[in-house]
Amino acid sequence: MRVFLAVATKTRDGSVLGHAVKTARDAVRASFPVPWESVTGEEWHAPGVALLAWSNEPADQPPEGSSG
């Protein structure tokens, strides 16, 4: 299972984005239907924007339904 989430704010105030990202992390951790120890995560941040991704799939496995 892979989960992707983009978070954006109208302001570049890092504290607003930080609070939104923390809320997103907490929500995904609470709702991911597998043991959290098997989940890996990646994040990318820029002013006012964060892209978050979580997965419990092996890194060398293409997403199901993909041709890769």
PDB file of N, CA and C in Angstrom:
ATOM      1  N   MET A   1       0.846  -1.166   0.000  1.00  0.00           N
ATOM      2  CA  MET A   1       0.000   0.000   0.000  1.00  0.00           C
ATOM      3  C   MET A   1       0.894   1.232   0.000  1.00  0.00           C
ATOM      4  N   ARG A   2       0.529   2.194  -0.814  1.00  0.00           N
ATOM      5  CA  ARG A   2       1.246   3.477  -0.853  1.00  0.00           C
ATOM      6  C   ARG A   2       0.237   4.606  -0.630  1.00  0.00           C
ATOM      7  N   VAL A   3       0.655   5.581   0.145  1.00  0.00           N
ATOM      8  CA  VAL A   3      -0.175   6.749   0.426  1.00  0.00           C
ATOM      9  C   VAL A   3       0.640   7.989   0.105  1.00  0.00           C
ATOM     10  N   PHE A   4       0.045   8.900  -0.643  1.00  0.00           N
ATOM     11  CA  PHE A   4       0.698  10.162  -0.993  1.00  0.00           C
ATOM     12  C   PHE A   4      -0.196  11.304  -0.536  1.00  0.00           C
ATOM     13  N   LEU A   5       0.414  12.357  -0.019  1.00  0.00           N
ATOM     14  CA  LEU A   5      -0.352  13.496   0.453  1.00  0.00           C
ATOM     15  C   LEU A   5       0.420  14.771   0.178  1.00  0.00           C
ATOM     16  N   ALA A   6      -0.244  15.748  -0.397  1.00  0.00           N
ATOM     17  CA  ALA A   6       0.349  17.075  -0.601  1.00  0.00           C
ATOM     18  C   ALA A   6      -0.328  18.026   0.372  1.00  0.00           C
ATOM     19  N   VAL A   7       0.483  18.847   1.043  1.00  0.00           N
ATOM     20  CA  VAL A   7      -0.024  19.842   1.978  1.00  0.00           C
ATOM     21  C   VAL A   7       0.471  21.199   1.506  1.00  0.00           C
ATOM     22  N   ALA A   8      -0.440  22.148   1.384  1.00  0.00           N
ATOM     23  CA  ALA A   8      -0.065  23.493   0.949  1.00  0.00           C
ATOM     24  C   ALA A   8      -0.756  24.512   1.845  1.00  0.00           C
ATOM     25  N   THR A   9      -0.085  25.618   2.088  1.00  0.00           N
ATOM     26  CA  THR A   9      -0.657  26.703   2.881  1.00  0.00           C
ATOM     27  C   THR A   9      -0.652  27.977   2.055  1.00  0.00           C
ATOM     28  N   LYS A  10      -1.531  28.900   2.395  1.00  0.00           N
ATOM     29  CA  LYS A  10      -1.567  30.182   1.701  1.00  0.00           C
ATOM     30  C   LYS A  10      -0.442  31.092   2.183  1.00  0.00           C
ATOM     31  N   THR A  11       0.145  30.766   3.300  1.00  0.00           N
ATOM     32  CA  THR A  11       1.228  31.561   3.856  1.00  0.00           C
ATOM     33  C   THR A  11       2.526  30.762   3.821  1.00  0.00           C
ATOM     34  N   ARG A  12       3.624  31.429   3.801  1.00  0.00           N
ATOM     35  CA  ARG A  12       4.919  30.731   3.844  1.00  0.00           C
ATOM     36  C   ARG A  12       5.425  30.593   5.271  1.00  0.00           C
ATOM     37  N   ASP A  13       4.557  30.880   6.227  1.00  0.00           N
ATOM     38  CA  ASP A  13       4.887  30.729   7.644  1.00  0.00           C
ATOM     39  C   ASP A  13       5.134  29.253   7.935  1.00  0.00           C
ATOM     40  N   GLY A  14       6.355  28.931   8.282  1.00  0.00           N
ATOM     41  CA  GLY A  14       6.731  27.538   8.508  1.00  0.00           C
ATOM     42  C   GLY A  14       5.976  26.875   9.638  1.00  0.00           C
ATOM     43  N   SER A  15       5.531  27.655  10.631  1.00  0.00           N
ATOM     44  CA  SER A  15       4.825  27.040  11.750  1.00  0.00           C
ATOM     45  C   SER A  15       3.449  26.520  11.326  1.00  0.00           C
ATOM     46  N   VAL A  16       2.794  27.212  10.404  1.00  0.00           N
ATOM     47  CA  VAL A  16       1.495  26.760   9.910  1.00  0.00           C
ATOM     48  C   VAL A  16       1.673  25.454   9.146  1.00  0.00           C
ATOM     49  N   LEU A  17       2.628  25.408   8.241  1.00  0.00           N
ATOM     50  CA  LEU A  17       2.889  24.189   7.476  1.00  0.00           C
ATOM     51  C   LEU A  17       3.338  23.069   8.406  1.00  0.00           C
ATOM     52  N   GLY A  18       4.194  23.385   9.357  1.00  0.00           N
ATOM     53  CA  GLY A  18       4.677  22.372  10.293  1.00  0.00           C
ATOM     54  C   GLY A  18       3.537  21.724  11.065  1.00  0.00           C
ATOM     55  N   HIS A  19       2.577  22.530  11.491  1.00  0.00           N
ATOM     56  CA  HIS A  19       1.421  21.994  12.219  1.00  0.00           C
ATOM     57  C   HIS A  19       0.594  21.090  11.301  1.00  0.00           C
ATOM     58  N   ALA A  20       0.380  21.501  10.059  1.00  0.00           N
ATOM     59  CA  ALA A  20      -0.392  20.697   9.106  1.00  0.00           C
ATOM     60  C   ALA A  20       0.312  19.373   8.799  1.00  0.00           C
ATOM     61  N   VAL A  21       1.626  19.413   8.634  1.00  0.00           N
ATOM     62  CA  VAL A  21       2.387  18.192   8.346  1.00  0.00           C
ATOM     63  C   VAL A  21       2.349  17.252   9.544  1.00  0.00           C
ATOM     64  N   LYS A  22       2.485  17.776  10.750  1.00  0.00           N
ATOM     65  CA  LYS A  22       2.415  16.931  11.950  1.00  0.00           C
ATOM     66  C   LYS A  22       1.047  16.267  12.044  1.00  0.00           C
ATOM     67  N   THR A  23      -0.017  17.015  11.782  1.00  0.00           N
ATOM     68  CA  THR A  23      -1.365  16.456  11.802  1.00  0.00           C
ATOM     69  C   THR A  23      -1.498  15.339  10.766  1.00  0.00           C
ATOM     70  N   ALA A  24      -0.948  15.555   9.569  1.00  0.00           N
ATOM     71  CA  ALA A  24      -0.994  14.532   8.513  1.00  0.00           C
ATOM     72  C   ALA A  24      -0.232  13.286   8.934  1.00  0.00           C
ATOM     73  N   ARG A  25       0.958  13.453   9.487  1.00  0.00           N
ATOM     74  CA  ARG A  25       1.750  12.290   9.944  1.00  0.00           C
ATOM     75  C   ARG A  25       0.981  11.500  10.989  1.00  0.00           C
ATOM     76  N   ASP A  26       0.407  12.199  11.970  1.00  0.00           N
ATOM     77  CA  ASP A  26      -0.348  11.524  13.034  1.00  0.00           C
ATOM     78  C   ASP A  26      -1.542  10.769  12.470  1.00  0.00           C
ATOM     79  N   ALA A  27      -2.261  11.381  11.519  1.00  0.00           N
ATOM     80  CA  ALA A  27      -3.435  10.742  10.933  1.00  0.00           C
ATOM     81  C   ALA A  27      -3.059   9.489  10.149  1.00  0.00           C
ATOM     82  N   VAL A  28      -2.004   9.561   9.365  1.00  0.00           N
ATOM     83  CA  VAL A  28      -1.585   8.389   8.590  1.00  0.00           C
ATOM     84  C   VAL A  28      -1.109   7.284   9.520  1.00  0.00           C
ATOM     85  N   ARG A  29      -0.343   7.651  10.518  1.00  0.00           N
ATOM     86  CA  ARG A  29       0.138   6.632  11.468  1.00  0.00           C
ATOM     87  C   ARG A  29      -1.034   5.917  12.146  1.00  0.00           C
ATOM     88  N   ALA A  30      -2.065   6.671  12.498  1.00  0.00           N
ATOM     89  CA  ALA A  30      -3.224   6.084  13.179  1.00  0.00           C
ATOM     90  C   ALA A  30      -4.095   5.247  12.248  1.00  0.00           C
ATOM     91  N   SER A  31      -4.057   5.521  10.944  1.00  0.00           N
ATOM     92  CA  SER A  31      -4.987   4.845  10.040  1.00  0.00           C
ATOM     93  C   SER A  31      -4.345   3.843   9.087  1.00  0.00           C
ATOM     94  N   PHE A  32      -3.025   3.776   9.020  1.00  0.00           N
ATOM     95  CA  PHE A  32      -2.366   2.834   8.100  1.00  0.00           C
ATOM     96  C   PHE A  32      -2.672   1.417   8.577  1.00  0.00           C
ATOM     97  N   PRO A  33      -3.227   0.547   7.717  1.00  0.00           N
ATOM     98  CA  PRO A  33      -3.729  -0.760   8.155  1.00  0.00           C
ATOM     99  C   PRO A  33      -2.667  -1.858   8.246  1.00  0.00           C
ATOM    100  N   VAL A  34      -1.429  -1.508   8.542  1.00  0.00           N
ATOM    101  CA  VAL A  34      -0.353  -2.495   8.694  1.00  0.00           C
ATOM    102  C   VAL A  34       0.493  -2.092   9.896  1.00  0.00           C
ATOM    103  N   PRO A  35       1.318  -3.013  10.415  1.00  0.00           N
ATOM    104  CA  PRO A  35       2.198  -2.628  11.523  1.00  0.00           C
ATOM    105  C   PRO A  35       3.094  -1.453  11.120  1.00  0.00           C
ATOM    106  N   TRP A  36       3.151  -0.426  11.951  1.00  0.00           N
ATOM    107  CA  TRP A  36       3.891   0.789  11.608  1.00  0.00           C
ATOM    108  C   TRP A  36       5.374   0.500  11.375  1.00  0.00           C
ATOM    109  N   GLU A  37       5.912  -0.529  11.972  1.00  0.00           N
ATOM    110  CA  GLU A  37       7.334  -0.872  11.798  1.00  0.00           C
ATOM    111  C   GLU A  37       7.649  -1.253  10.358  1.00  0.00           C
ATOM    112  N   SER A  38       6.628  -1.644   9.584  1.00  0.00           N
ATOM    113  CA  SER A  38       6.850  -2.043   8.184  1.00  0.00           C
ATOM    114  C   SER A  38       6.667  -0.879   7.212  1.00  0.00           C
ATOM    115  N   VAL A  39       6.406   0.318   7.727  1.00  0.00           N
ATOM    116  CA  VAL A  39       6.130   1.479   6.885  1.00  0.00           C
ATOM    117  C   VAL A  39       7.376   2.351   6.751  1.00  0.00           C
ATOM    118  N   THR A  40       7.658   2.764   5.519  1.00  0.00           N
ATOM    119  CA  THR A  40       8.724   3.732   5.275  1.00  0.00           C
ATOM    120  C   THR A  40       8.081   5.022   4.786  1.00  0.00           C
ATOM    121  N   GLY A  41       8.780   6.121   4.981  1.00  0.00           N
ATOM    122  CA  GLY A  41       8.227   7.404   4.573  1.00  0.00           C
ATOM    123  C   GLY A  41       9.269   8.281   3.908  1.00  0.00           C
ATOM    124  N   GLU A  42       8.792   9.151   3.043  1.00  0.00           N
ATOM    125  CA  GLU A  42       9.620  10.140   2.367  1.00  0.00           C
ATOM    126  C   GLU A  42       8.897  11.478   2.437  1.00  0.00           C
ATOM    127  N   GLU A  43       9.658  12.570   2.493  1.00  0.00           N
ATOM    128  CA  GLU A  43       9.066  13.900   2.508  1.00  0.00           C
ATOM    129  C   GLU A  43       9.892  14.855   1.667  1.00  0.00           C
ATOM    130  N   TRP A  44       9.207  15.802   1.056  1.00  0.00           N
ATOM    131  CA  TRP A  44       9.851  16.898   0.326  1.00  0.00           C
ATOM    132  C   TRP A  44       9.172  18.167   0.785  1.00  0.00           C
ATOM    133  N   HIS A  45       9.988  19.178   1.121  1.00  0.00           N
ATOM    134  CA  HIS A  45       9.459  20.442   1.636  1.00  0.00           C
ATOM    135  C   HIS A  45       9.992  21.621   0.824  1.00  0.00           C
ATOM    136  N   ALA A  46       9.152  22.612   0.622  1.00  0.00           N
ATOM    137  CA  ALA A  46       9.509  23.897   0.037  1.00  0.00           C
ATOM    138  C   ALA A  46       8.660  24.932   0.779  1.00  0.00           C
ATOM    139  N   PRO A  47       8.951  26.211   0.646  1.00  0.00           N
ATOM    140  CA  PRO A  47       8.154  27.212   1.357  1.00  0.00           C
ATOM    141  C   PRO A  47       6.651  27.077   1.051  1.00  0.00           C
ATOM    142  N   GLY A  48       5.866  26.804   2.084  1.00  0.00           N
ATOM    143  CA  GLY A  48       4.422  26.702   1.942  1.00  0.00           C
ATOM    144  C   GLY A  48       3.894  25.400   1.395  1.00  0.00           C
ATOM    145  N   VAL A  49       4.778  24.419   1.124  1.00  0.00           N
ATOM    146  CA  VAL A  49       4.352  23.162   0.494  1.00  0.00           C
ATOM    147  C   VAL A  49       5.127  21.988   1.076  1.00  0.00           C
ATOM    148  N   ALA A  50       4.438  20.857   1.228  1.00  0.00           N
ATOM    149  CA  ALA A  50       5.100  19.608   1.611  1.00  0.00           C
ATOM    150  C   ALA A  50       4.447  18.463   0.851  1.00  0.00           C
ATOM    151  N   LEU A  51       5.260  17.559   0.343  1.00  0.00           N
ATOM    152  CA  LEU A  51       4.779  16.338  -0.296  1.00  0.00           C
ATOM    153  C   LEU A  51       5.211  15.185   0.594  1.00  0.00           C
ATOM    154  N   LEU A  52       4.264  14.342   0.975  1.00  0.00           N
ATOM    155  CA  LEU A  52       4.519  13.255   1.906  1.00  0.00           C
ATOM    156  C   LEU A  52       4.144  11.931   1.255  1.00  0.00           C
ATOM    157  N   ALA A  53       4.907  10.894   1.540  1.00  0.00           N
ATOM    158  CA  ALA A  53       4.613   9.570   0.989  1.00  0.00           C
ATOM    159  C   ALA A  53       4.957   8.506   2.018  1.00  0.00           C
ATOM    160  N   TRP A  54       4.121   7.482   2.100  1.00  0.00           N
ATOM    161  CA  TRP A  54       4.360   6.352   2.980  1.00  0.00           C
ATOM    162  C   TRP A  54       4.086   5.073   2.209  1.00  0.00           C
ATOM    163  N   SER A  55       4.798   4.000   2.562  1.00  0.00           N
ATOM    164  CA  SER A  55       4.596   2.726   1.886  1.00  0.00           C
ATOM    165  C   SER A  55       5.008   1.579   2.797  1.00  0.00           C
ATOM    166  N   ASN A  56       4.364   0.446   2.616  1.00  0.00           N
ATOM    167  CA  ASN A  56       4.816  -0.782   3.263  1.00  0.00           C
ATOM    168  C   ASN A  56       5.281  -1.780   2.213  1.00  0.00           C
ATOM    169  N   GLU A  57       5.465  -1.312   0.975  1.00  0.00           N
ATOM    170  CA  GLU A  57       5.919  -2.176  -0.115  1.00  0.00           C
ATOM    171  C   GLU A  57       7.439  -2.157  -0.211  1.00  0.00           C
ATOM    172  N   PRO A  58       8.034  -3.253  -0.673  1.00  0.00           N
ATOM    173  CA  PRO A  58       9.482  -3.251  -0.898  1.00  0.00           C
ATOM    174  C   PRO A  58       9.859  -2.176  -1.914  1.00  0.00           C
ATOM    175  N   ALA A  59      10.993  -1.544  -1.718  1.00  0.00           N
ATOM    176  CA  ALA A  59      11.429  -0.444  -2.582  1.00  0.00           C
ATOM    177  C   ALA A  59      11.611  -0.880  -4.028  1.00  0.00           C
ATOM    178  N   ASP A  60      11.952  -2.144  -4.256  1.00  0.00           N
ATOM    179  CA  ASP A  60      12.210  -2.602  -5.621  1.00  0.00           C
ATOM    180  C   ASP A  60      10.949  -3.142  -6.308  1.00  0.00           C
ATOM    181  N   GLN A  61       9.798  -3.041  -5.660  1.00  0.00           N
ATOM    182  CA  GLN A  61       8.551  -3.540  -6.233  1.00  0.00           C
ATOM    183  C   GLN A  61       7.774  -2.389  -6.862  1.00  0.00           C
ATOM    184  N   PRO A  62       7.456  -2.463  -8.168  1.00  0.00           N
ATOM    185  CA  PRO A  62       6.651  -1.408  -8.790  1.00  0.00           C
ATOM    186  C   PRO A  62       5.230  -1.426  -8.247  1.00  0.00           C
ATOM    187  N   PRO A  63       4.521  -0.312  -8.297  1.00  0.00           N
ATOM    188  CA  PRO A  63       3.133  -0.291  -7.830  1.00  0.00           C
ATOM    189  C   PRO A  63       2.274  -1.299  -8.594  1.00  0.00           C
ATOM    190  N   GLU A  64       1.345  -1.920  -7.912  1.00  0.00           N
ATOM    191  CA  GLU A  64       0.456  -2.881  -8.549  1.00  0.00           C
ATOM    192  C   GLU A  64      -0.319  -2.196  -9.684  1.00  0.00           C
ATOM    193  N   GLY A  65      -0.391  -2.862 -10.812  1.00  0.00           N
ATOM    194  CA  GLY A  65      -1.099  -2.318 -11.959  1.00  0.00           C
ATOM    195  C   GLY A  65      -0.212  -1.479 -12.870  1.00  0.00           C
ATOM    196  N   SER A  66       1.043  -1.254 -12.463  1.00  0.00           N
ATOM    197  CA  SER A  66       1.934  -0.486 -13.329  1.00  0.00           C
ATOM    198  C   SER A  66       2.626  -1.425 -14.310  1.00  0.00           C
ATOM    199  N   SER A  67       3.150  -0.871 -15.349  1.00  0.00           N
ATOM    200  CA  SER A  67       3.845  -1.693 -16.345  1.00  0.00           C
ATOM    201  C   SER A  67       5.322  -1.845 -16.020  1.00  0.00           C
ATOM    202  N   GLY A  68       5.811  -1.170 -14.972  1.00  0.00           N
ATOM    203  CA  GLY A  68       7.224  -1.183 -14.621  1.00  0.00           C
ATOM    204  C   GLY A  68       7.586  -2.331 -13.822  1.00  0.00           C
TER     205      GLY A  68
END
